[in-house]
């Protein structure tokens, strides 16, 4: 008796209920199907495809080479595999993005029409979106009540690893034929920064548990410090599950670990919103923002993307993103606020750029984060809260350590000027060879002017 286990964003052996259930029945045929056309308009971006290749390679090794690769369409390929192997069942772990939900419903219906048993499982979330509602029996739209409600419930627990996995065989397609790797190798920075795969995820969790949970609340906002978990890409690809993270943090730290675990619930909130309000992937949750007078300026957008705005904390974040495929969360808020409020470029442009360049590009988190920054989503920051990039830099990178790590052209700038080098006396700039407008740009907008224009634009919605 053979069961196909259709891997998607659950690329691990631990706490994998679909895999466990299949292994208990009999032979397992582990399958990954690359069908980006089924994910449009949110097929994996360049950085995600690079990570996915490495993660699939790691999973293939963990499964002793038995993982079967195919290129979509998913239903067609699953049917082919069923004919080849005589498989009687298809198991998978659920996804929650709008296009994935629609695709999975079609696949399930098609297979059941064929007389194939289909069963799906939760491996990704502590609470699935349809299980939670507010006191009015409606979806939550504010995080704090959502979080408090979740704390009154017992989340699903991780399942133990399968005692034994006996795999079936099928025709092999090399991983390289999926075409996930970039044709021009631009991934050196990511290779030197990350270890994709389940082993890398477990090592990162161990690193977090060994001394970084207790100071998390005080350290996480400072990009010059190693104060965040850096588990986000591992969570997105399912190389580790939130249930395991919660259990291990809670069992080791108890209430002390709650500041860190709160971030897992923010992720849960993002999935809750995307499931109940699927239009928010491309449209604002607050409909009045569809009238907002965004500035369609591709030059400003390109300058922001390249990290050439003239504001060091913004540029450092964009350079970190381009090099490593990741950006510190505090800096994400700063660069997002700068794009949508200082430059008044549409939040979707920022979301698309992050989608292509982040190794942890996750539709639920990306959507919530950008709509929060733009002021048009659930529990959003008020539009009139406009981050001053100079003050943000001075507060969260006071010694300029983060800035100098990513902007070496500012080396030699004294700390008192590092967040606003344009105010540095000309004689001092000449002495260290800093030529604003040449080796580092002048600010592309004035903060006070940009803030005033953004507030005027916001007033137009009322």
Protein backbone atom coordinates (compact mmCIF):
# COMPACT_ATOMS: atom_id res chain seq x y z
CA UNK A 1 0.00 0.00 0.00
CA UNK A 2 1.62 3.21 -1.22
CA UNK A 3 0.81 6.74 -0.10
CA UNK A 4 2.06 9.77 -1.97
CA UNK A 5 3.20 12.54 0.39
CA UNK A 6 3.04 15.79 -1.53
CA UNK A 7 5.65 18.12 -0.02
CA UNK A 8 5.16 21.86 -0.43
CA UNK A 9 6.13 24.30 2.36
CA UNK A 10 6.82 21.55 4.88
CA UNK A 11 10.34 20.52 3.89
CA UNK A 12 11.23 18.56 7.02
CA UNK A 13 10.94 15.15 8.63
CA UNK A 14 10.20 16.29 12.20
CA UNK A 15 6.66 17.29 13.16
CA UNK A 16 5.37 16.43 9.70
CA UNK A 17 1.91 14.92 10.24
CA UNK A 18 1.28 14.04 6.57
CA UNK A 19 4.56 12.13 6.40
CA UNK A 20 3.97 10.42 9.74
CA UNK A 21 0.47 9.31 8.82
CA UNK A 22 1.69 7.87 5.52
CA UNK A 23 4.63 6.08 7.16
CA UNK A 24 2.31 4.36 9.62
CA UNK A 25 0.25 2.86 6.77
CA UNK A 26 2.95 1.47 4.52
CA UNK A 27 5.15 2.59 1.63
CA UNK A 28 5.72 6.32 1.20
CA UNK A 29 6.36 8.09 -2.10
CA UNK A 30 7.68 11.57 -1.21
CA UNK A 31 7.02 14.04 -4.05
CA UNK A 32 7.75 17.69 -4.76
CA UNK A 33 6.05 19.33 -7.74
CA UNK A 34 7.38 22.63 -9.08
CA UNK A 35 4.40 24.45 -10.63
CA UNK A 36 5.02 28.21 -10.38
CA UNK A 37 2.21 28.93 -12.85
CA UNK A 38 -0.20 27.74 -10.15
CA UNK A 39 1.10 30.35 -7.71
CA UNK A 40 0.65 33.42 -9.92
CA UNK A 41 0.79 36.30 -9.31
CA UNK A 42 2.91 35.21 -6.35
CA UNK A 43 5.21 32.57 -7.76
CA UNK A 44 8.44 32.36 -5.78
CA UNK A 45 10.88 35.21 -6.41
CA UNK A 46 14.55 34.88 -7.19
CA UNK A 47 15.85 34.67 -3.62
CA UNK A 48 13.12 32.20 -2.63
CA UNK A 49 13.89 29.97 -5.61
CA UNK A 50 17.56 29.89 -4.62
CA UNK A 51 16.63 28.88 -1.06
CA UNK A 52 14.10 26.33 -2.28
CA UNK A 53 16.75 24.54 -4.36
CA UNK A 54 19.06 24.23 -1.35
CA UNK A 55 16.21 23.13 0.92
CA UNK A 56 15.01 20.46 -1.51
CA UNK A 57 18.56 19.19 -1.85
CA UNK A 58 18.79 18.89 1.94
CA UNK A 59 15.43 17.09 2.14
CA UNK A 60 16.49 14.75 -0.64
CA UNK A 61 19.55 13.81 1.41
CA UNK A 62 17.46 13.29 4.54
CA UNK A 63 15.20 10.94 2.58
CA UNK A 64 18.19 8.96 1.26
CA UNK A 65 17.58 10.12 -2.29
CA UNK A 66 13.96 8.98 -2.50
CA UNK A 67 12.33 12.40 -3.00
CA UNK A 68 10.68 12.50 -6.44
CA UNK A 69 10.73 15.78 -8.37
CA UNK A 70 8.24 16.76 -11.04
CA UNK A 71 7.29 19.92 -12.90
CA UNK A 72 3.58 20.83 -12.84
CA UNK A 73 0.64 20.97 -13.32
CA UNK A 74 0.12 19.38 -9.92
CA UNK A 75 -3.02 17.35 -10.57
CA UNK A 76 -1.63 15.98 -13.83
CA UNK A 77 1.65 14.94 -12.23
CA UNK A 78 -0.03 13.35 -9.22
CA UNK A 79 -2.27 11.33 -11.51
CA UNK A 80 0.77 10.20 -13.50
CA UNK A 81 2.52 9.08 -10.32
CA UNK A 82 -0.58 7.21 -9.16
CA UNK A 83 -0.67 5.31 -12.46
CA UNK A 84 3.08 4.58 -12.28
CA UNK A 85 3.12 3.34 -8.70
CA UNK A 86 -0.40 2.16 -7.95
CA UNK A 87 -0.59 4.60 -5.03
CA UNK A 88 -3.97 4.56 -3.31
CA UNK A 89 -3.71 7.72 -1.22
CA UNK A 90 -2.30 11.26 -1.40
CA UNK A 91 -1.52 13.11 1.81
CA UNK A 92 -0.34 16.68 2.19
CA UNK A 93 -0.02 19.44 4.77
CA UNK A 94 -2.30 22.40 4.25
CA UNK A 95 -1.45 25.83 2.89
CA UNK A 96 -3.50 28.99 3.38
CA UNK A 97 -2.65 31.47 0.59
CA UNK A 98 -5.64 32.22 -1.70
CA UNK A 99 -4.20 30.67 -4.88
CA UNK A 100 -2.90 27.63 -2.99
CA UNK A 101 -6.29 27.07 -1.36
CA UNK A 102 -8.02 27.18 -4.74
CA UNK A 103 -5.46 24.89 -6.35
CA UNK A 104 -5.57 22.39 -3.49
CA UNK A 105 -9.37 22.25 -3.63
CA UNK A 106 -9.20 21.44 -7.34
CA UNK A 107 -6.56 18.75 -6.79
CA UNK A 108 -8.52 17.18 -3.94
CA UNK A 109 -11.75 17.08 -5.93
CA UNK A 110 -10.01 15.63 -8.96
CA UNK A 111 -8.28 12.87 -7.04
CA UNK A 112 -11.42 11.91 -5.14
CA UNK A 113 -13.31 11.67 -8.43
CA UNK A 114 -10.62 9.17 -9.45
CA UNK A 115 -11.34 7.12 -6.33
CA UNK A 116 -8.09 8.16 -4.61
CA UNK A 117 -8.13 8.75 -0.87
CA UNK A 118 -7.00 12.28 0.06
CA UNK A 119 -6.17 13.51 3.53
CA UNK A 120 -4.71 16.86 4.59
CA UNK A 121 -3.07 18.00 7.83
CA UNK A 122 -1.94 21.09 9.73
CA UNK A 123 1.81 21.38 10.06
CA UNK A 124 2.37 25.12 9.74
CA UNK A 125 0.27 26.92 12.35
CA UNK A 126 -0.56 26.81 16.02
CA UNK A 127 -4.18 27.69 15.18
CA UNK A 128 -5.72 27.37 11.76
CA UNK A 129 -7.50 30.53 10.60
CA UNK A 130 -11.07 29.19 10.58
CA UNK A 131 -10.80 28.04 14.21
CA UNK A 132 -10.56 31.55 15.67
CA UNK A 133 -13.08 34.38 15.87
CA UNK A 134 -13.75 37.39 18.05
CA UNK A 135 -16.67 37.85 20.42
CA UNK A 136 -18.85 38.88 17.45
CA UNK A 137 -17.99 35.61 15.70
CA UNK A 138 -16.05 37.51 13.08
CA UNK A 139 -12.37 37.40 12.10
CA UNK A 140 -9.96 39.40 14.22
CA UNK A 141 -8.54 42.60 12.74
CA UNK A 142 -6.54 43.85 15.71
CA UNK A 143 -3.56 41.94 17.00
CA UNK A 144 -3.83 42.41 20.76
CA UNK A 145 -7.31 40.85 21.13
CA UNK A 146 -6.22 38.08 18.74
CA UNK A 147 -3.13 37.41 20.82
CA UNK A 148 -4.99 37.44 24.13
CA UNK A 149 -7.58 35.06 22.75
CA UNK A 150 -4.90 32.67 21.54
CA UNK A 151 -3.32 32.62 25.00
CA UNK A 152 -6.56 31.20 26.41
CA UNK A 153 -6.38 28.20 24.05
CA UNK A 154 -4.15 25.18 23.80
CA UNK A 155 -2.43 25.12 20.40
CA UNK A 156 -1.86 21.95 18.43
CA UNK A 157 1.20 20.01 19.54
CA UNK A 158 4.06 18.76 17.37
CA UNK A 159 3.86 15.13 16.33
CA UNK A 160 6.80 12.82 17.06
CA UNK A 161 8.99 11.84 14.11
CA UNK A 162 8.05 8.74 12.19
CA UNK A 163 9.72 5.69 13.67
CA UNK A 164 10.45 4.30 10.22
CA UNK A 165 9.93 5.55 6.67
CA UNK A 166 9.93 2.93 3.92
CA UNK A 167 9.87 4.63 0.54
CA UNK A 168 8.49 3.51 -2.80
CA UNK A 169 10.29 4.18 -6.07
CA UNK A 170 9.29 6.11 -9.17
CA UNK A 171 10.97 7.67 -12.18
CA UNK A 172 13.47 10.32 -11.07
CA UNK A 173 13.84 13.84 -12.44
CA UNK A 174 17.03 15.64 -11.32
CA UNK A 175 16.50 18.59 -9.00
CA UNK A 176 18.46 20.77 -11.44
CA UNK A 177 15.73 20.30 -14.07
CA UNK A 178 13.36 22.37 -11.94
CA UNK A 179 15.45 25.41 -12.93
CA UNK A 180 15.46 27.03 -9.49
CA UNK A 181 19.09 28.17 -9.48
CA UNK A 182 19.94 31.58 -11.01
CA UNK A 183 21.56 31.39 -14.44
CA UNK A 184 24.00 34.11 -13.36
CA UNK A 185 25.34 33.28 -9.91
CA UNK A 186 24.51 36.23 -7.68
CA UNK A 187 24.01 34.18 -4.51
CA UNK A 188 27.45 34.37 -2.85
CA UNK A 189 26.18 36.59 -0.06
CA UNK A 190 23.29 34.26 0.69
CA UNK A 191 25.49 31.16 0.61
CA UNK A 192 27.84 32.71 3.18
CA UNK A 193 24.93 33.81 5.41
CA UNK A 194 22.53 30.86 5.50
CA UNK A 195 22.28 27.09 5.81
CA UNK A 196 18.94 26.18 4.22
CA UNK A 197 17.34 22.89 5.21
CA UNK A 198 16.07 21.17 8.32
CA UNK A 199 19.52 20.80 9.88
CA UNK A 200 20.18 24.51 9.42
CA UNK A 201 16.81 25.30 11.01
CA UNK A 202 17.53 23.14 14.05
CA UNK A 203 20.96 24.73 14.45
CA UNK A 204 19.40 28.19 14.29
CA UNK A 205 16.82 27.25 16.91
CA UNK A 206 19.55 25.87 19.16
CA UNK A 207 21.50 29.10 18.75
CA UNK A 208 18.40 31.09 19.74
CA UNK A 209 17.69 28.90 22.75
CA UNK A 210 21.28 29.14 23.99
CA UNK A 211 21.22 32.62 25.45
CA UNK A 212 19.13 34.74 23.06
CA UNK A 213 15.56 34.18 24.28
CA UNK A 214 15.80 35.97 27.62
CA UNK A 215 17.28 39.25 26.27
CA UNK A 216 15.10 39.14 23.14
CA UNK A 217 12.74 41.96 24.16
CA UNK A 218 15.66 44.33 24.78
CA UNK A 219 17.87 43.26 21.86
CA UNK A 220 15.53 42.60 18.95
CA UNK A 221 15.20 46.21 17.77
CA UNK A 222 18.95 46.82 17.35
CA UNK A 223 20.24 45.71 13.95
CA UNK A 224 23.89 45.89 15.02
CA UNK A 225 23.29 43.05 17.50
CA UNK A 226 22.53 39.37 17.11
CA UNK A 227 19.18 39.79 18.82
CA UNK A 228 16.66 38.15 16.49
CA UNK A 229 16.01 34.48 15.81
CA UNK A 230 16.64 34.54 12.02
CA UNK A 231 14.23 31.61 11.81
CA UNK A 232 11.85 33.29 9.35
CA UNK A 233 13.07 31.60 6.12
CA UNK A 234 13.18 28.23 7.85
CA UNK A 235 9.59 28.75 9.02
CA UNK A 236 8.39 29.86 5.61
CA UNK A 237 9.73 26.76 3.87
CA UNK A 238 8.60 24.52 6.71
CA UNK A 239 12.10 23.34 7.59
CA UNK A 240 10.95 23.82 11.16
CA UNK A 241 7.46 24.17 12.59
CA UNK A 242 6.08 26.84 14.89
CA UNK A 243 4.75 24.10 17.18
CA UNK A 244 8.25 22.80 17.90
CA UNK A 245 9.59 26.32 18.45
CA UNK A 246 6.80 27.17 20.86
CA UNK A 247 7.17 23.94 22.83
CA UNK A 248 10.94 24.21 23.22
CA UNK A 249 10.96 27.90 24.12
CA UNK A 250 8.13 27.48 26.61
CA UNK A 251 9.53 24.35 28.23
CA UNK A 252 12.96 25.96 28.67
CA UNK A 253 12.05 29.55 29.50
CA UNK A 254 8.40 29.60 30.57
CA UNK A 255 6.96 33.11 30.83
CA UNK A 256 10.38 34.65 30.17
CA UNK A 257 10.14 33.45 26.58
CA UNK A 258 6.79 35.11 25.91
CA UNK A 259 8.28 38.21 24.26
CA UNK A 260 9.84 35.95 21.65
CA UNK A 261 6.79 33.71 21.29
CA UNK A 262 4.65 36.79 20.70
CA UNK A 263 6.33 37.02 17.29
CA UNK A 264 5.03 33.55 16.42
CA UNK A 265 1.53 34.81 17.19
CA UNK A 266 2.10 37.84 14.94
CA UNK A 267 2.81 35.31 12.18
CA UNK A 268 -0.40 33.48 13.09
CA UNK A 269 -2.26 36.80 12.89
CA UNK A 270 -0.86 37.39 9.39
CA UNK A 271 -2.23 34.04 8.20
CA UNK A 272 -5.54 34.66 9.92
CA UNK A 273 -5.93 37.95 8.02
CA UNK A 274 -4.85 36.61 4.64
CA UNK A 275 -7.24 33.67 4.91
CA UNK A 276 -10.25 35.78 5.89
CA UNK A 277 -9.40 38.78 3.69
CA UNK A 278 -7.69 37.24 0.64
CA UNK A 279 -7.98 40.44 -1.39
CA UNK A 280 -5.40 42.11 0.86
CA UNK A 281 -2.54 40.50 -1.05
CA UNK A 282 -3.12 43.18 -3.70
CA UNK A 283 -5.69 45.61 -2.24
CA UNK A 284 -5.82 47.59 1.02
CA UNK A 285 -7.91 46.22 3.86
CA UNK A 286 -9.08 49.77 4.54
CA UNK A 287 -10.93 50.57 1.30
CA UNK A 288 -10.53 54.34 1.57
CA UNK A 289 -6.85 53.88 0.77
CA UNK A 290 -7.76 52.87 -2.77
CA UNK A 291 -8.11 56.65 -3.34
CA UNK A 292 -4.72 57.54 -1.88
CA UNK A 293 -2.67 59.78 -4.24
CA UNK A 294 0.39 57.57 -4.63
CA UNK A 295 3.38 58.94 -6.50
CA UNK A 296 4.22 56.89 -9.60
CA UNK A 297 7.93 57.63 -9.89
CA UNK A 298 10.07 54.73 -11.08
CA UNK A 299 13.26 56.72 -10.52
CA UNK A 300 12.50 57.15 -6.81
CA UNK A 301 11.58 53.47 -6.53
CA UNK A 302 14.81 52.40 -8.23
CA UNK A 303 16.88 54.66 -5.98
CA UNK A 304 15.27 53.08 -2.91
CA UNK A 305 15.81 49.56 -4.28
CA UNK A 306 19.52 50.23 -4.83
CA UNK A 307 20.06 51.74 -1.36
CA UNK A 308 20.96 55.19 -2.71
CA UNK A 309 18.47 57.41 -0.85
CA UNK A 310 21.10 59.36 1.08
CA UNK A 311 19.65 58.25 4.43
CA UNK A 312 22.22 55.81 5.87
CA UNK A 313 19.88 53.58 7.92
CA UNK A 314 17.60 53.13 4.88
CA UNK A 315 20.47 52.45 2.49
CA UNK A 316 22.16 50.02 4.88
CA UNK A 317 18.95 47.99 5.10
CA UNK A 318 18.51 47.84 1.34
CA UNK A 319 22.14 46.78 0.87
CA UNK A 320 21.76 44.06 3.50
CA UNK A 321 18.67 42.81 1.67
CA UNK A 322 20.40 42.72 -1.71
CA UNK A 323 23.44 40.89 -0.34
CA UNK A 324 21.93 38.39 2.10
CA UNK A 325 18.27 38.08 1.07
CA UNK A 326 17.20 39.22 4.52
CA UNK A 327 16.76 42.42 6.51
CA UNK A 328 16.49 43.11 10.21
CA UNK A 329 12.85 43.61 11.23
CA UNK A 330 13.27 47.09 12.73
CA UNK A 331 15.03 48.20 9.56
CA UNK A 332 12.23 46.66 7.46
CA UNK A 333 9.82 49.02 9.19
CA UNK A 334 12.11 51.99 8.58
CA UNK A 335 12.69 51.33 4.88
CA UNK A 336 9.00 50.54 4.30
CA UNK A 337 7.89 53.74 6.02
CA UNK A 338 10.40 55.69 3.95
CA UNK A 339 9.09 54.29 0.66
CA UNK A 340 5.38 54.78 1.34
CA UNK A 341 5.53 58.02 3.33
CA UNK A 342 8.67 59.92 2.34
CA UNK A 343 8.49 58.92 -1.33
CA UNK A 344 4.75 58.09 -1.41
CA UNK A 345 5.43 55.15 -3.69
CA UNK A 346 2.65 52.53 -3.55
CA UNK A 347 3.12 49.90 -0.86
CA UNK A 348 2.61 47.16 -3.48
CA UNK A 349 5.86 48.21 -5.20
CA UNK A 350 7.72 47.63 -1.95
CA UNK A 351 5.91 44.35 -1.37
CA UNK A 352 6.86 43.13 -4.87
CA UNK A 353 10.51 44.05 -4.32
CA UNK A 354 10.62 42.24 -0.99
CA UNK A 355 8.86 39.27 -2.61
CA UNK A 356 11.66 38.92 -5.15
CA UNK A 357 14.63 39.63 -2.89
CA UNK A 358 13.79 38.11 0.51
CA UNK A 359 14.67 34.51 1.29
CA UNK A 360 11.81 34.58 3.82
CA UNK A 361 9.30 36.07 1.36
CA UNK A 362 6.00 34.93 2.81
CA UNK A 363 2.73 36.23 1.37
CA UNK A 364 0.91 36.52 4.69
CA UNK A 365 3.76 38.24 6.53
CA UNK A 366 4.73 40.42 3.57
CA UNK A 367 1.15 41.62 3.10
CA UNK A 368 0.58 42.39 6.77
CA UNK A 369 3.93 44.15 7.12
CA UNK A 370 3.51 46.44 4.13
CA UNK A 371 -0.10 47.32 4.86
CA UNK A 372 0.87 48.01 8.47
CA UNK A 373 3.61 50.37 7.30
CA UNK A 374 1.34 52.09 4.78
CA UNK A 375 -1.43 52.55 7.36
CA UNK A 376 -4.00 50.80 5.16
CA UNK A 377 -4.22 47.37 6.79
CA UNK A 378 -5.27 45.63 9.98
CA UNK A 379 -3.90 46.99 13.24
CA UNK A 380 -1.90 49.40 11.10
CA UNK A 381 0.37 52.13 12.33
CA UNK A 382 -1.51 55.43 11.98
CA UNK A 383 -0.63 57.10 8.71
CA UNK A 384 0.55 60.21 10.55
CA UNK A 385 3.20 58.13 12.36
CA UNK A 386 6.07 58.80 9.99
CA UNK A 387 9.46 57.46 11.02
CA UNK A 388 12.25 60.01 10.95
CA UNK A 389 15.09 57.91 9.48
CA UNK A 390 17.76 59.98 11.23
CA UNK A 391 16.19 59.59 14.66
CA UNK A 392 15.49 55.90 14.03
CA UNK A 393 19.13 55.38 13.17
CA UNK A 394 20.35 57.27 16.21
CA UNK A 395 18.03 55.29 18.48
CA UNK A 396 18.58 51.78 17.14
CA UNK A 397 22.10 51.96 15.70
CA UNK A 398 23.63 54.58 18.00
CA UNK A 399 27.25 53.79 17.20
CA UNK A 400 26.62 53.33 13.48
CA UNK A 401 27.90 49.75 13.57
CA UNK A 402 25.14 48.44 11.32
CA UNK A 403 25.47 51.33 8.89
CA UNK A 404 29.22 50.93 8.49
CA UNK A 405 28.82 47.18 7.96
CA UNK A 406 26.79 47.84 4.80
CA UNK A 407 27.96 51.31 3.77
CA UNK A 408 31.78 51.13 3.77
CA UNK A 409 31.90 54.40 1.82
CA UNK A 410 30.97 56.12 5.08
CA UNK A 411 33.92 54.73 7.00
CA UNK A 412 35.76 57.60 8.60
CA UNK A 413 32.59 59.59 9.24
CA UNK A 414 32.54 60.47 12.96
CA UNK A 415 29.71 58.93 14.93
CA UNK A 416 28.05 62.29 15.52
CA UNK A 417 27.47 62.63 11.76
CA UNK A 418 27.00 59.01 10.70
CA UNK A 419 23.19 59.23 10.52
CA UNK A 420 23.13 62.58 8.70
CA UNK A 421 26.46 63.04 6.87
CA UNK A 422 25.10 65.99 4.88
CA UNK A 423 25.29 68.08 8.07
CA UNK A 424 28.98 67.32 8.49
CA UNK A 425 31.20 70.37 7.94
CA UNK A 426 32.63 70.50 4.44
CA UNK A 427 36.21 70.61 5.71
CA UNK A 428 35.72 67.37 7.63
CA UNK A 429 34.11 65.71 4.62
CA UNK A 430 37.05 66.69 2.45
CA UNK A 431 39.52 65.39 5.01
CA UNK A 432 38.05 61.87 4.90
CA UNK A 433 37.29 61.91 1.18
CA UNK A 434 33.50 61.90 1.48
CA UNK A 435 32.06 63.59 -1.61
CA UNK A 436 28.31 63.79 -1.26
CA UNK A 437 26.62 63.31 -4.58
CA UNK A 438 29.55 61.24 -5.81
CA UNK A 439 30.69 58.43 -3.52
CA UNK A 440 27.57 58.76 -1.36
CA UNK A 441 24.31 60.49 -2.37
CA UNK A 442 22.70 63.54 -0.91
CA UNK A 443 19.24 62.82 0.57
CA UNK A 444 16.74 62.42 -2.25
CA UNK A 445 14.03 64.13 -0.18
CA UNK A 446 13.97 66.44 2.81
CA UNK A 447 12.36 64.74 5.80
CA UNK A 448 10.28 67.69 6.95
CA UNK A 449 8.99 68.47 3.47
CA UNK A 450 8.23 64.83 2.71
CA UNK A 451 6.42 64.43 6.02
CA UNK A 452 4.27 67.49 5.37
CA UNK A 453 3.37 66.29 1.86
CA UNK A 454 2.49 62.83 3.15
CA UNK A 455 0.17 64.24 5.80
CA UNK A 456 -1.51 66.45 3.20
CA UNK A 457 -2.06 63.41 0.99
CA UNK A 458 -3.53 61.53 3.95
CA UNK A 459 -5.92 64.39 4.68
CA UNK A 460 -7.28 64.05 1.14
CA UNK A 461 -8.87 60.72 2.16
CA UNK A 462 -11.07 62.32 4.77
